[in-house]
């Protein structure tokens, strides 16, 4: 199928947590024979902070952050068999949705792909007249990168006919074990941008344990933390490019996943960093959320912390041998069950089912 995919950015992970997800999934879909064009706006300095060049498995169209450029890019959806509008594109999202629905040819599949379902659903509940909520009944499906049955039910309640979670996963070609690098050495490392609904949890799960474990080394990566007061044993790196993620994950004794509050509340929403870390064979410590056992076995393939005190106990008791065992088990689990090839097969099944239904109508 010819797929026109409108998202935040494929080329840049700068302030764009969906980049890894887009890359892994679309590469796998291309390998299954789909011809994909990815459309992304030139906003938020992403194009000056690219971390990959346009790939050979996907045609990328970068359009200016202007309304005329948006309309011109949306008009190209008329040639596609599948038209995808992702959440959080970042420039005139409502207008883009309207233009894409108008441009899609009769018989084309129209999908909304939600890469931040908790935030999107909160907005839909708050505004029953929002353009997206009004459009849901006319869409063939909503795909989400997490959320499980709670998100599926929530989308049905606001008007979606079909909602299918397509979870984050591992791209083994991109995220894999590599030799450690001294610049990333630490007892516990956390990589995440500073966001309002994550900051309190970063303080509780990372900064407070660092304060108490003053003899241990902590490493913080991600954008936005430069003016945050940090304990002296926390070293701040700033933005860490995707090309350095493997070394960031393999060099510390353990790496930490901290969900945003709404993601933790909904559960069933493993962040991309969960699979990046597991794919690198890292020992992952994650905050507790419902559904973790669907992806990694607590105590065997991942260590789960209910609060900052749990993080302190884990870090103070963790040995290199134990960390290596957990990392190796996590790597084997995600290679067996959680690769983007497997996720792409799920998407193919959804597209085939929708196409069959469209042909019968």
Foldseek 3Di string as FASTA:
>chain_A
DEEEAEAQDCFFCAVNLCNLVCVQQQLLLLVVPYAYEYEAECDPCRVVHGPHDDDPSYHYHYFYLDPVRLLVSLLVQCPGLEYEQEPPSPHPSLVSVVSNVVNHDQNRAYEYEYAPLLVVLVVCVVDLPRSVLVCQQVHLEYEYQWQPPVSQVSSVVSPHPYYYYLHAADDLVQFAADDADPVLEWLEEEEDADDPQQVVQCCKAPQVLCVVPVVTAYEYEEADCPPPDGPPRYHYDYHDRSNCLLNNLNRYLAYEAGDGPSCQVSFGHDRNNLNSNLRNLFAYEYEDHPPVCVQANDPQQYDYDPINVSSNVCSVPDDSVSRNRNSVRSNVRRVVPGGSNVSNVVVVVSVVVSSVVSVVD
